[in-house]
């Protein structure tokens, strides 16, 4: 099985920064695209940023120029550097990965989520 473990969430004041980390582990042959999503209670989960195995990135308009997604393919790890945080960025952030396991089955996996709270 493949597991995703997130870390780095917490409480930060508006204007501050946080760095989220998500490491994929388990019976992994290859990790393809990875991304970060966020969700506020009562609202749909939304894409924050995604990155392909080649390093191509895509961001939600609301976080462009403030957040940066990156990855370390050797460690099967994706990062989200969040700068200039705003109260509206507060949410549970979920890691996502498209991964192929050791028997060649490709699936999408989700982490358990990490809370990001931004105080004004």
PDB file of N, CA and C in Angstrom:
ATOM      1  N   UNK A   1       0.846  -1.188   0.000  1.00  0.00           N
ATOM      2  CA  UNK A   1       0.000   0.000   0.000  1.00  0.00           C
ATOM      3  C   UNK A   1       0.882   1.238   0.000  1.00  0.00           C
ATOM      4  N   UNK A   2       0.305   2.354  -0.415  1.00  0.00           N
ATOM      5  CA  UNK A   2       1.005   3.626  -0.456  1.00  0.00           C
ATOM      6  C   UNK A   2       0.376   4.556   0.569  1.00  0.00           C
ATOM      7  N   UNK A   3       1.214   5.208   1.339  1.00  0.00           N
ATOM      8  CA  UNK A   3       0.744   6.176   2.319  1.00  0.00           C
ATOM      9  C   UNK A   3       1.367   7.533   2.061  1.00  0.00           C
ATOM     10  N   UNK A   4       0.610   8.591   2.355  1.00  0.00           N
ATOM     11  CA  UNK A   4       1.096   9.954   2.276  1.00  0.00           C
ATOM     12  C   UNK A   4       1.009  10.557   3.668  1.00  0.00           C
ATOM     13  N   UNK A   5       2.092  11.121   4.134  1.00  0.00           N
ATOM     14  CA  UNK A   5       2.134  11.718   5.457  1.00  0.00           C
ATOM     15  C   UNK A   5       2.510  13.185   5.331  1.00  0.00           C
ATOM     16  N   UNK A   6       1.617  14.060   5.798  1.00  0.00           N
ATOM     17  CA  UNK A   6       1.845  15.490   5.749  1.00  0.00           C
ATOM     18  C   UNK A   6       2.388  15.998   7.075  1.00  0.00           C
ATOM     19  N   UNK A   7       3.130  17.078   6.999  1.00  0.00           N
ATOM     20  CA  UNK A   7       3.618  17.746   8.186  1.00  0.00           C
ATOM     21  C   UNK A   7       3.842  19.218   7.867  1.00  0.00           C
ATOM     22  N   UNK A   8       3.961  20.022   8.900  1.00  0.00           N
ATOM     23  CA  UNK A   8       4.276  21.427   8.719  1.00  0.00           C
ATOM     24  C   UNK A   8       3.133  22.388   8.959  1.00  0.00           C
ATOM     25  N   UNK A   9       1.932  21.876   9.145  1.00  0.00           N
ATOM     26  CA  UNK A   9       0.820  22.758   9.422  1.00  0.00           C
ATOM     27  C   UNK A   9       0.928  23.361  10.807  1.00  0.00           C
ATOM     28  N   UNK A  10       0.132  24.378  11.049  1.00  0.00           N
ATOM     29  CA  UNK A  10       0.153  25.020  12.345  1.00  0.00           C
ATOM     30  C   UNK A  10      -0.518  26.369  12.319  1.00  0.00           C
ATOM     31  N   UNK A  11      -0.246  27.131  13.350  1.00  0.00           N
ATOM     32  CA  UNK A  11      -0.814  28.463  13.508  1.00  0.00           C
ATOM     33  C   UNK A  11       0.224  29.515  13.153  1.00  0.00           C
ATOM     34  N   UNK A  12      -0.173  30.453  12.325  1.00  0.00           N
ATOM     35  CA  UNK A  12       0.728  31.524  11.924  1.00  0.00           C
ATOM     36  C   UNK A  12      -0.076  32.814  11.807  1.00  0.00           C
ATOM     37  N   UNK A  13       0.576  33.922  12.059  1.00  0.00           N
ATOM     38  CA  UNK A  13      -0.083  35.209  11.895  1.00  0.00           C
ATOM     39  C   UNK A  13      -0.110  35.619  10.428  1.00  0.00           C
ATOM     40  N   UNK A  14      -1.091  36.419  10.077  1.00  0.00           N
ATOM     41  CA  UNK A  14      -1.179  36.923   8.714  1.00  0.00           C
ATOM     42  C   UNK A  14       0.137  37.573   8.314  1.00  0.00           C
ATOM     43  N   UNK A  15       0.566  37.258   7.099  1.00  0.00           N
ATOM     44  CA  UNK A  15       1.837  37.752   6.616  1.00  0.00           C
ATOM     45  C   UNK A  15       2.991  36.805   6.855  1.00  0.00           C
ATOM     46  N   UNK A  16       2.772  35.800   7.660  1.00  0.00           N
ATOM     47  CA  UNK A  16       3.810  34.843   7.966  1.00  0.00           C
ATOM     48  C   UNK A  16       3.912  33.742   6.935  1.00  0.00           C
ATOM     49  N   UNK A  17       4.759  32.773   7.238  1.00  0.00           N
ATOM     50  CA  UNK A  17       5.037  31.686   6.308  1.00  0.00           C
ATOM     51  C   UNK A  17       4.970  30.334   6.987  1.00  0.00           C
ATOM     52  N   UNK A  18       4.647  29.325   6.200  1.00  0.00           N
ATOM     53  CA  UNK A  18       4.689  27.939   6.619  1.00  0.00           C
ATOM     54  C   UNK A  18       5.187  27.108   5.455  1.00  0.00           C
ATOM     55  N   UNK A  19       5.807  25.998   5.763  1.00  0.00           N
ATOM     56  CA  UNK A  19       6.258  25.069   4.737  1.00  0.00           C
ATOM     57  C   UNK A  19       5.663  23.699   5.028  1.00  0.00           C
ATOM     58  N   UNK A  20       4.834  23.224   4.128  1.00  0.00           N
ATOM     59  CA  UNK A  20       4.224  21.914   4.265  1.00  0.00           C
ATOM     60  C   UNK A  20       5.061  20.874   3.539  1.00  0.00           C
ATOM     61  N   UNK A  21       5.131  19.697   4.119  1.00  0.00           N
ATOM     62  CA  UNK A  21       5.868  18.591   3.539  1.00  0.00           C
ATOM     63  C   UNK A  21       4.959  17.376   3.459  1.00  0.00           C
ATOM     64  N   UNK A  22       5.053  16.645   2.378  1.00  0.00           N
ATOM     65  CA  UNK A  22       4.305  15.407   2.222  1.00  0.00           C
ATOM     66  C   UNK A  22       5.228  14.354   1.635  1.00  0.00           C
ATOM     67  N   UNK A  23       5.385  13.261   2.350  1.00  0.00           N
ATOM     68  CA  UNK A  23       6.239  12.176   1.902  1.00  0.00           C
ATOM     69  C   UNK A  23       5.401  10.941   1.585  1.00  0.00           C
ATOM     70  N   UNK A  24       5.597  10.406   0.403  1.00  0.00           N
ATOM     71  CA  UNK A  24       4.938   9.173   0.003  1.00  0.00           C
ATOM     72  C   UNK A  24       5.832   7.992   0.352  1.00  0.00           C
ATOM     73  N   UNK A  25       5.230   6.954   0.899  1.00  0.00           N
ATOM     74  CA  UNK A  25       5.991   5.774   1.267  1.00  0.00           C
ATOM     75  C   UNK A  25       5.164   4.525   0.995  1.00  0.00           C
ATOM     76  N   UNK A  26       5.820   3.378   1.050  1.00  0.00           N
ATOM     77  CA  UNK A  26       5.140   2.122   0.813  1.00  0.00           C
ATOM     78  C   UNK A  26       5.655   1.437  -0.434  1.00  0.00           C
ATOM     79  N   UNK A  27       4.793   0.634  -1.031  1.00  0.00           N
ATOM     80  CA  UNK A  27       5.184  -0.155  -2.196  1.00  0.00           C
ATOM     81  C   UNK A  27       5.076   0.671  -3.472  1.00  0.00           C
ATOM     82  N   UNK A  28       5.982   1.608  -3.612  1.00  0.00           N
ATOM     83  CA  UNK A  28       5.952   2.566  -4.711  1.00  0.00           C
ATOM     84  C   UNK A  28       6.945   2.199  -5.792  1.00  0.00           C
ATOM     85  N   UNK A  29       6.445   2.150  -7.006  1.00  0.00           N
ATOM     86  CA  UNK A  29       7.318   2.033  -8.156  1.00  0.00           C
ATOM     87  C   UNK A  29       7.657   3.414  -8.706  1.00  0.00           C
ATOM     88  N   UNK A  30       6.642   4.247  -8.804  1.00  0.00           N
ATOM     89  CA  UNK A  30       6.826   5.579  -9.354  1.00  0.00           C
ATOM     90  C   UNK A  30       5.734   6.510  -8.830  1.00  0.00           C
ATOM     91  N   UNK A  31       6.124   7.717  -8.480  1.00  0.00           N
ATOM     92  CA  UNK A  31       5.171   8.760  -8.135  1.00  0.00           C
ATOM     93  C   UNK A  31       5.079   9.711  -9.316  1.00  0.00           C
ATOM     94  N   UNK A  32       3.889   9.889  -9.827  1.00  0.00           N
ATOM     95  CA  UNK A  32       3.682  10.745 -10.982  1.00  0.00           C
ATOM     96  C   UNK A  32       3.395  12.175 -10.498  1.00  0.00           C
ATOM     97  N   UNK A  33       2.247  12.719 -10.823  1.00  0.00           N
ATOM     98  CA  UNK A  33       1.932  14.058 -10.360  1.00  0.00           C
ATOM     99  C   UNK A  33       1.643  14.063  -8.858  1.00  0.00           C
ATOM    100  N   UNK A  34       1.954  15.172  -8.207  1.00  0.00           N
ATOM    101  CA  UNK A  34       1.642  15.381  -6.803  1.00  0.00           C
ATOM    102  C   UNK A  34       1.030  16.763  -6.654  1.00  0.00           C
ATOM    103  N   UNK A  35       0.262  16.948  -5.608  1.00  0.00           N
ATOM    104  CA  UNK A  35      -0.358  18.241  -5.427  1.00  0.00           C
ATOM    105  C   UNK A  35      -0.825  18.486  -4.014  1.00  0.00           C
ATOM    106  N   UNK A  36      -1.259  19.710  -3.793  1.00  0.00           N
ATOM    107  CA  UNK A  36      -1.839  20.115  -2.528  1.00  0.00           C
ATOM    108  C   UNK A  36      -3.235  20.666  -2.769  1.00  0.00           C
ATOM    109  N   UNK A  37      -4.164  20.226  -1.952  1.00  0.00           N
ATOM    110  CA  UNK A  37      -5.531  20.713  -1.968  1.00  0.00           C
ATOM    111  C   UNK A  37      -5.864  21.255  -0.592  1.00  0.00           C
ATOM    112  N   UNK A  38      -6.893  22.075  -0.515  1.00  0.00           N
ATOM    113  CA  UNK A  38      -7.322  22.559   0.787  1.00  0.00           C
ATOM    114  C   UNK A  38      -8.841  22.582   0.848  1.00  0.00           C
ATOM    115  N   UNK A  39      -9.345  22.496   2.074  1.00  0.00           N
ATOM    116  CA  UNK A  39     -10.784  22.448   2.266  1.00  0.00           C
ATOM    117  C   UNK A  39     -11.177  23.144   3.556  1.00  0.00           C
ATOM    118  N   UNK A  40     -12.203  23.952   3.454  1.00  0.00           N
ATOM    119  CA  UNK A  40     -12.824  24.615   4.597  1.00  0.00           C
ATOM    120  C   UNK A  40     -14.167  23.928   4.830  1.00  0.00           C
ATOM    121  N   UNK A  41     -14.562  23.729   6.083  1.00  0.00           N
ATOM    122  CA  UNK A  41     -15.853  23.090   6.343  1.00  0.00           C
ATOM    123  C   UNK A  41     -16.991  23.750   5.579  1.00  0.00           C
ATOM    124  N   UNK A  42     -17.805  22.926   4.932  1.00  0.00           N
ATOM    125  CA  UNK A  42     -18.927  23.428   4.169  1.00  0.00           C
ATOM    126  C   UNK A  42     -18.614  23.824   2.744  1.00  0.00           C
ATOM    127  N   UNK A  43     -17.355  23.729   2.343  1.00  0.00           N
ATOM    128  CA  UNK A  43     -16.973  24.108   0.998  1.00  0.00           C
ATOM    129  C   UNK A  43     -16.275  22.948   0.295  1.00  0.00           C
ATOM    130  N   UNK A  44     -16.217  23.041  -1.020  1.00  0.00           N
ATOM    131  CA  UNK A  44     -15.561  22.015  -1.811  1.00  0.00           C
ATOM    132  C   UNK A  44     -14.050  22.050  -1.617  1.00  0.00           C
ATOM    133  N   UNK A  45     -13.448  20.877  -1.683  1.00  0.00           N
ATOM    134  CA  UNK A  45     -11.997  20.808  -1.663  1.00  0.00           C
ATOM    135  C   UNK A  45     -11.475  21.396  -2.971  1.00  0.00           C
ATOM    136  N   UNK A  46     -10.468  22.244  -2.877  1.00  0.00           N
ATOM    137  CA  UNK A  46      -9.964  22.919  -4.052  1.00  0.00           C
ATOM    138  C   UNK A  46      -8.474  22.688  -4.238  1.00  0.00           C
ATOM    139  N   UNK A  47      -8.077  22.673  -5.491  1.00  0.00           N
ATOM    140  CA  UNK A  47      -6.667  22.532  -5.819  1.00  0.00           C
ATOM    141  C   UNK A  47      -5.932  23.813  -5.462  1.00  0.00           C
ATOM    142  N   UNK A  48      -4.833  23.665  -4.763  1.00  0.00           N
ATOM    143  CA  UNK A  48      -3.967  24.788  -4.438  1.00  0.00           C
ATOM    144  C   UNK A  48      -2.809  24.851  -5.418  1.00  0.00           C
ATOM    145  N   UNK A  49      -2.121  23.743  -5.577  1.00  0.00           N
ATOM    146  CA  UNK A  49      -0.979  23.673  -6.478  1.00  0.00           C
ATOM    147  C   UNK A  49      -0.713  22.229  -6.839  1.00  0.00           C
ATOM    148  N   UNK A  50      -0.186  22.016  -8.024  1.00  0.00           N
ATOM    149  CA  UNK A  50       0.165  20.678  -8.471  1.00  0.00           C
ATOM    150  C   UNK A  50       1.483  20.728  -9.211  1.00  0.00           C
ATOM    151  N   UNK A  51       2.162  19.596  -9.224  1.00  0.00           N
ATOM    152  CA  UNK A  51       3.447  19.518  -9.905  1.00  0.00           C
ATOM    153  C   UNK A  51       3.583  18.149 -10.545  1.00  0.00           C
ATOM    154  N   UNK A  52       4.026  18.123 -11.784  1.00  0.00           N
ATOM    155  CA  UNK A  52       4.225  16.866 -12.488  1.00  0.00           C
ATOM    156  C   UNK A  52       5.578  16.281 -12.133  1.00  0.00           C
ATOM    157  N   UNK A  53       5.806  15.053 -12.562  1.00  0.00           N
ATOM    158  CA  UNK A  53       7.091  14.417 -12.311  1.00  0.00           C
ATOM    159  C   UNK A  53       8.232  15.151 -12.997  1.00  0.00           C
ATOM    160  N   UNK A  54       7.912  15.884 -14.055  1.00  0.00           N
ATOM    161  CA  UNK A  54       8.918  16.659 -14.774  1.00  0.00           C
ATOM    162  C   UNK A  54       9.154  18.032 -14.168  1.00  0.00           C
ATOM    163  N   UNK A  55       8.335  18.414 -13.189  1.00  0.00           N
ATOM    164  CA  UNK A  55       8.513  19.695 -12.537  1.00  0.00           C
ATOM    165  C   UNK A  55       7.618  20.811 -13.030  1.00  0.00           C
ATOM    166  N   UNK A  56       6.705  20.525 -13.935  1.00  0.00           N
ATOM    167  CA  UNK A  56       5.756  21.536 -14.378  1.00  0.00           C
ATOM    168  C   UNK A  56       4.753  21.806 -13.265  1.00  0.00           C
ATOM    169  N   UNK A  57       4.418  23.065 -13.045  1.00  0.00           N
ATOM    170  CA  UNK A  57       3.555  23.444 -11.935  1.00  0.00           C
ATOM    171  C   UNK A  57       2.295  24.142 -12.390  1.00  0.00           C
ATOM    172  N   UNK A  58       1.289  24.078 -11.529  1.00  0.00           N
ATOM    173  CA  UNK A  58       0.019  24.737 -11.760  1.00  0.00           C
ATOM    174  C   UNK A  58      -0.490  25.226 -10.413  1.00  0.00           C
ATOM    175  N   UNK A  59      -0.952  26.479 -10.366  1.00  0.00           N
ATOM    176  CA  UNK A  59      -1.406  27.078  -9.120  1.00  0.00           C
ATOM    177  C   UNK A  59      -2.805  27.642  -9.250  1.00  0.00           C
ATOM    178  N   UNK A  60      -3.523  27.611  -8.142  1.00  0.00           N
ATOM    179  CA  UNK A  60      -4.761  28.359  -8.075  1.00  0.00           C
ATOM    180  C   UNK A  60      -4.437  29.846  -8.156  1.00  0.00           C
ATOM    181  N   UNK A  61      -5.299  30.604  -8.814  1.00  0.00           N
ATOM    182  CA  UNK A  61      -5.042  32.032  -8.966  1.00  0.00           C
ATOM    183  C   UNK A  61      -4.863  32.732  -7.621  1.00  0.00           C
ATOM    184  N   UNK A  62      -5.569  32.268  -6.614  1.00  0.00           N
ATOM    185  CA  UNK A  62      -5.535  32.919  -5.317  1.00  0.00           C
ATOM    186  C   UNK A  62      -4.203  32.787  -4.587  1.00  0.00           C
ATOM    187  N   UNK A  63      -3.358  31.860  -5.015  1.00  0.00           N
ATOM    188  CA  UNK A  63      -2.084  31.649  -4.323  1.00  0.00           C
ATOM    189  C   UNK A  63      -0.874  31.933  -5.198  1.00  0.00           C
ATOM    190  N   UNK A  64      -1.102  32.266  -6.451  1.00  0.00           N
ATOM    191  CA  UNK A  64       0.022  32.567  -7.332  1.00  0.00           C
ATOM    192  C   UNK A  64       0.852  33.717  -6.761  1.00  0.00           C
ATOM    193  N   UNK A  65       2.144  33.593  -6.880  1.00  0.00           N
ATOM    194  CA  UNK A  65       3.120  34.584  -6.415  1.00  0.00           C
ATOM    195  C   UNK A  65       3.290  34.590  -4.902  1.00  0.00           C
ATOM    196  N   UNK A  66       2.566  33.730  -4.200  1.00  0.00           N
ATOM    197  CA  UNK A  66       2.737  33.615  -2.753  1.00  0.00           C
ATOM    198  C   UNK A  66       3.163  32.208  -2.337  1.00  0.00           C
ATOM    199  N   UNK A  67       2.637  31.206  -3.019  1.00  0.00           N
ATOM    200  CA  UNK A  67       2.954  29.818  -2.702  1.00  0.00           C
ATOM    201  C   UNK A  67       3.860  29.237  -3.778  1.00  0.00           C
ATOM    202  N   UNK A  68       4.711  28.309  -3.379  1.00  0.00           N
ATOM    203  CA  UNK A  68       5.574  27.619  -4.318  1.00  0.00           C
ATOM    204  C   UNK A  68       5.559  26.127  -4.026  1.00  0.00           C
ATOM    205  N   UNK A  69       5.233  25.340  -5.038  1.00  0.00           N
ATOM    206  CA  UNK A  69       5.257  23.896  -4.886  1.00  0.00           C
ATOM    207  C   UNK A  69       6.552  23.362  -5.491  1.00  0.00           C
ATOM    208  N   UNK A  70       7.131  22.373  -4.845  1.00  0.00           N
ATOM    209  CA  UNK A  70       8.340  21.753  -5.338  1.00  0.00           C
ATOM    210  C   UNK A  70       8.338  20.292  -4.931  1.00  0.00           C
ATOM    211  N   UNK A  71       9.257  19.524  -5.481  1.00  0.00           N
ATOM    212  CA  UNK A  71       9.312  18.109  -5.135  1.00  0.00           C
ATOM    213  C   UNK A  71      10.731  17.589  -5.200  1.00  0.00           C
ATOM    214  N   UNK A  72      10.946  16.524  -4.471  1.00  0.00           N
ATOM    215  CA  UNK A  72      12.197  15.797  -4.487  1.00  0.00           C
ATOM    216  C   UNK A  72      11.841  14.388  -4.933  1.00  0.00           C
ATOM    217  N   UNK A  73      12.080  14.099  -6.196  1.00  0.00           N
ATOM    218  CA  UNK A  73      11.680  12.805  -6.739  1.00  0.00           C
ATOM    219  C   UNK A  73      12.405  11.636  -6.073  1.00  0.00           C
ATOM    220  N   UNK A  74      13.643  11.855  -5.679  1.00  0.00           N
ATOM    221  CA  UNK A  74      14.399  10.790  -5.032  1.00  0.00           C
ATOM    222  C   UNK A  74      13.798  10.395  -3.689  1.00  0.00           C
ATOM    223  N   UNK A  75      13.124  11.339  -3.036  1.00  0.00           N
ATOM    224  CA  UNK A  75      12.515  11.087  -1.733  1.00  0.00           C
ATOM    225  C   UNK A  75      11.008  10.908  -1.810  1.00  0.00           C
ATOM    226  N   UNK A  76      10.440  10.973  -3.008  1.00  0.00           N
ATOM    227  CA  UNK A  76       8.991  10.897  -3.188  1.00  0.00           C
ATOM    228  C   UNK A  76       8.274  11.888  -2.277  1.00  0.00           C
ATOM    229  N   UNK A  77       8.783  13.092  -2.258  1.00  0.00           N
ATOM    230  CA  UNK A  77       8.295  14.113  -1.348  1.00  0.00           C
ATOM    231  C   UNK A  77       7.924  15.380  -2.109  1.00  0.00           C
ATOM    232  N   UNK A  78       6.827  15.997  -1.697  1.00  0.00           N
ATOM    233  CA  UNK A  78       6.387  17.253  -2.273  1.00  0.00           C
ATOM    234  C   UNK A  78       6.301  18.285  -1.157  1.00  0.00           C
ATOM    235  N   UNK A  79       6.612  19.532  -1.490  1.00  0.00           N
ATOM    236  CA  UNK A  79       6.610  20.619  -0.531  1.00  0.00           C
ATOM    237  C   UNK A  79       5.692  21.733  -1.005  1.00  0.00           C
ATOM    238  N   UNK A  80       5.193  22.480  -0.063  1.00  0.00           N
ATOM    239  CA  UNK A  80       4.445  23.685  -0.383  1.00  0.00           C
ATOM    240  C   UNK A  80       4.940  24.798   0.520  1.00  0.00           C
ATOM    241  N   UNK A  81       5.675  25.719  -0.056  1.00  0.00           N
ATOM    242  CA  UNK A  81       6.126  26.890   0.674  1.00  0.00           C
ATOM    243  C   UNK A  81       5.048  27.955   0.568  1.00  0.00           C
ATOM    244  N   UNK A  82       4.512  28.361   1.698  1.00  0.00           N
ATOM    245  CA  UNK A  82       3.432  29.332   1.738  1.00  0.00           C
ATOM    246  C   UNK A  82       3.941  30.603   2.391  1.00  0.00           C
ATOM    247  N   UNK A  83       3.988  31.660   1.625  1.00  0.00           N
ATOM    248  CA  UNK A  83       4.435  32.956   2.115  1.00  0.00           C
ATOM    249  C   UNK A  83       3.284  33.952   2.089  1.00  0.00           C
ATOM    250  N   UNK A  84       3.448  35.028   2.823  1.00  0.00           N
ATOM    251  CA  UNK A  84       2.441  36.092   2.868  1.00  0.00           C
ATOM    252  C   UNK A  84       1.050  35.531   3.118  1.00  0.00           C
ATOM    253  N   UNK A  85       0.950  34.681   4.111  1.00  0.00           N
ATOM    254  CA  UNK A  85      -0.311  34.001   4.384  1.00  0.00           C
ATOM    255  C   UNK A  85      -1.401  34.978   4.784  1.00  0.00           C
ATOM    256  N   UNK A  86      -2.596  34.694   4.314  1.00  0.00           N
ATOM    257  CA  UNK A  86      -3.772  35.495   4.585  1.00  0.00           C
ATOM    258  C   UNK A  86      -4.778  34.675   5.374  1.00  0.00           C
ATOM    259  N   UNK A  87      -5.666  35.320   6.120  1.00  0.00           N
ATOM    260  CA  UNK A  87      -6.684  34.566   6.853  1.00  0.00           C
ATOM    261  C   UNK A  87      -7.494  33.640   5.951  1.00  0.00           C
ATOM    262  N   UNK A  88      -7.734  34.028   4.716  1.00  0.00           N
ATOM    263  CA  UNK A  88      -8.499  33.191   3.814  1.00  0.00           C
ATOM    264  C   UNK A  88      -7.746  31.945   3.360  1.00  0.00           C
ATOM    265  N   UNK A  89      -6.459  31.845   3.676  1.00  0.00           N
ATOM    266  CA  UNK A  89      -5.699  30.639   3.389  1.00  0.00           C
ATOM    267  C   UNK A  89      -5.924  29.554   4.429  1.00  0.00           C
ATOM    268  N   UNK A  90      -6.537  29.884   5.541  1.00  0.00           N
ATOM    269  CA  UNK A  90      -6.774  28.911   6.602  1.00  0.00           C
ATOM    270  C   UNK A  90      -7.663  27.787   6.089  1.00  0.00           C
ATOM    271  N   UNK A  91      -7.242  26.570   6.306  1.00  0.00           N
ATOM    272  CA  UNK A  91      -7.964  25.402   5.825  1.00  0.00           C
ATOM    273  C   UNK A  91      -7.215  24.155   6.271  1.00  0.00           C
ATOM    274  N   UNK A  92      -7.820  23.014   6.011  1.00  0.00           N
ATOM    275  CA  UNK A  92      -7.097  21.759   6.122  1.00  0.00           C
ATOM    276  C   UNK A  92      -6.466  21.499   4.765  1.00  0.00           C
ATOM    277  N   UNK A  93      -5.178  21.301   4.756  1.00  0.00           N
ATOM    278  CA  UNK A  93      -4.447  21.069   3.520  1.00  0.00           C
ATOM    279  C   UNK A  93      -4.172  19.582   3.355  1.00  0.00           C
ATOM    280  N   UNK A  94      -4.493  19.062   2.181  1.00  0.00           N
ATOM    281  CA  UNK A  94      -4.343  17.651   1.883  1.00  0.00           C
ATOM    282  C   UNK A  94      -3.330  17.437   0.769  1.00  0.00           C
ATOM    283  N   UNK A  95      -2.471  16.487   0.983  1.00  0.00           N
ATOM    284  CA  UNK A  95      -1.520  16.074  -0.035  1.00  0.00           C
ATOM    285  C   UNK A  95      -2.169  15.040  -0.945  1.00  0.00           C
ATOM    286  N   UNK A  96      -1.825  15.091  -2.199  1.00  0.00           N
ATOM    287  CA  UNK A  96      -2.368  14.181  -3.203  1.00  0.00           C
ATOM    288  C   UNK A  96      -1.228  13.664  -4.070  1.00  0.00           C
ATOM    289  N   UNK A  97      -1.299  12.399  -4.420  1.00  0.00           N
ATOM    290  CA  UNK A  97      -0.280  11.835  -5.291  1.00  0.00           C
ATOM    291  C   UNK A  97      -0.872  10.796  -6.215  1.00  0.00           C
ATOM    292  N   UNK A  98      -0.463  10.836  -7.447  1.00  0.00           N
ATOM    293  CA  UNK A  98      -0.774   9.827  -8.448  1.00  0.00           C
ATOM    294  C   UNK A  98       0.443   8.903  -8.473  1.00  0.00           C
ATOM    295  N   UNK A  99       0.257   7.678  -8.011  1.00  0.00           N
ATOM    296  CA  UNK A  99       1.396   6.785  -7.860  1.00  0.00           C
ATOM    297  C   UNK A  99       1.116   5.412  -8.440  1.00  0.00           C
ATOM    298  N   UNK A 100       2.179   4.797  -8.920  1.00  0.00           N
ATOM    299  CA  UNK A 100       2.133   3.431  -9.426  1.00  0.00           C
ATOM    300  C   UNK A 100       2.853   2.533  -8.442  1.00  0.00           C
ATOM    301  N   UNK A 101       2.202   1.441  -8.017  1.00  0.00           N
ATOM    302  CA  UNK A 101       2.832   0.567  -7.047  1.00  0.00           C
ATOM    303  C   UNK A 101       3.730  -0.467  -7.726  1.00  0.00           C
ATOM    304  N   UNK A 102       4.293  -1.346  -6.919  1.00  0.00           N
ATOM    305  CA  UNK A 102       5.297  -2.279  -7.422  1.00  0.00           C
ATOM    306  C   UNK A 102       4.744  -3.359  -8.336  1.00  0.00           C
ATOM    307  N   UNK A 103       3.421  -3.533  -8.357  1.00  0.00           N
ATOM    308  CA  UNK A 103       2.833  -4.499  -9.286  1.00  0.00           C
ATOM    309  C   UNK A 103       2.182  -3.799 -10.468  1.00  0.00           C
ATOM    310  N   UNK A 104       2.484  -2.517 -10.640  1.00  0.00           N
ATOM    311  CA  UNK A 104       2.067  -1.797 -11.823  1.00  0.00           C
ATOM    312  C   UNK A 104       0.688  -1.176 -11.788  1.00  0.00           C
ATOM    313  N   UNK A 105       0.074  -1.106 -10.619  1.00  0.00           N
ATOM    314  CA  UNK A 105      -1.256  -0.517 -10.499  1.00  0.00           C
ATOM    315  C   UNK A 105      -1.137   0.953 -10.136  1.00  0.00           C
ATOM    316  N   UNK A 106      -1.811   1.783 -10.894  1.00  0.00           N
ATOM    317  CA  UNK A 106      -1.765   3.223 -10.705  1.00  0.00           C
ATOM    318  C   UNK A 106      -3.029   3.711 -10.004  1.00  0.00           C
ATOM    319  N   UNK A 107      -2.852   4.453  -8.928  1.00  0.00           N
ATOM    320  CA  UNK A 107      -3.966   4.978  -8.157  1.00  0.00           C
ATOM    321  C   UNK A 107      -3.656   6.388  -7.672  1.00  0.00           C
ATOM    322  N   UNK A 108      -4.697   7.068  -7.234  1.00  0.00           N
ATOM    323  CA  UNK A 108      -4.555   8.373  -6.615  1.00  0.00           C
ATOM    324  C   UNK A 108      -4.691   8.201  -5.110  1.00  0.00           C
ATOM    325  N   UNK A 109      -3.764   8.776  -4.365  1.00  0.00           N
ATOM    326  CA  UNK A 109      -3.731   8.645  -2.914  1.00  0.00           C
ATOM    327  C   UNK A 109      -3.848  10.006  -2.252  1.00  0.00           C
ATOM    328  N   UNK A 110      -4.381   9.998  -1.039  1.00  0.00           N
ATOM    329  CA  UNK A 110      -4.569  11.215  -0.263  1.00  0.00           C
ATOM    330  C   UNK A 110      -3.962  11.081   1.116  1.00  0.00           C
ATOM    331  N   UNK A 111      -3.407  12.166   1.603  1.00  0.00           N
ATOM    332  CA  UNK A 111      -2.964  12.214   2.978  1.00  0.00           C
ATOM    333  C   UNK A 111      -4.133  12.496   3.901  1.00  0.00           C
ATOM    334  N   UNK A 112      -3.863  12.486   5.196  1.00  0.00           N
ATOM    335  CA  UNK A 112      -4.910  12.700   6.191  1.00  0.00           C
ATOM    336  C   UNK A 112      -5.244  14.175   6.398  1.00  0.00           C
ATOM    337  N   UNK A 113      -4.402  15.052   5.936  1.00  0.00           N
ATOM    338  CA  UNK A 113      -4.641  16.477   6.064  1.00  0.00           C
ATOM    339  C   UNK A 113      -3.883  17.091   7.221  1.00  0.00           C
ATOM    340  N   UNK A 114      -3.510  18.333   7.060  1.00  0.00           N
ATOM    341  CA  UNK A 114      -2.848  19.079   8.117  1.00  0.00           C
ATOM    342  C   UNK A 114      -3.485  20.463   8.204  1.00  0.00           C
ATOM    343  N   UNK A 115      -3.768  20.886   9.414  1.00  0.00           N
ATOM    344  CA  UNK A 115      -4.484  22.141   9.635  1.00  0.00           C
ATOM    345  C   UNK A 115      -3.546  23.332   9.524  1.00  0.00           C
ATOM    346  N   UNK A 116      -3.980  24.312   8.762  1.00  0.00           N
ATOM    347  CA  UNK A 116      -3.279  25.590   8.676  1.00  0.00           C
ATOM    348  C   UNK A 116      -4.228  26.661   9.179  1.00  0.00           C
ATOM    349  N   UNK A 117      -3.819  27.357  10.216  1.00  0.00           N
ATOM    350  CA  UNK A 117      -4.626  28.422  10.794  1.00  0.00           C
ATOM    351  C   UNK A 117      -3.869  29.730  10.674  1.00  0.00           C
ATOM    352  N   UNK A 118      -4.531  30.744  10.174  1.00  0.00           N
ATOM    353  CA  UNK A 118      -3.910  32.050   9.981  1.00  0.00           C
ATOM    354  C   UNK A 118      -4.693  33.071  10.788  1.00  0.00           C
ATOM    355  N   UNK A 119      -4.036  33.692  11.736  1.00  0.00           N
ATOM    356  CA  UNK A 119      -4.679  34.685  12.578  1.00  0.00           C
ATOM    357  C   UNK A 119      -4.457  36.077  12.011  1.00  0.00           C
ATOM    358  N   UNK A 120      -5.426  36.939  12.207  1.00  0.00           N
ATOM    359  CA  UNK A 120      -5.335  38.298  11.708  1.00  0.00           C
ATOM    360  C   UNK A 120      -4.877  39.250  12.795  1.00  0.00           C
TER     361      UNK A 120
END
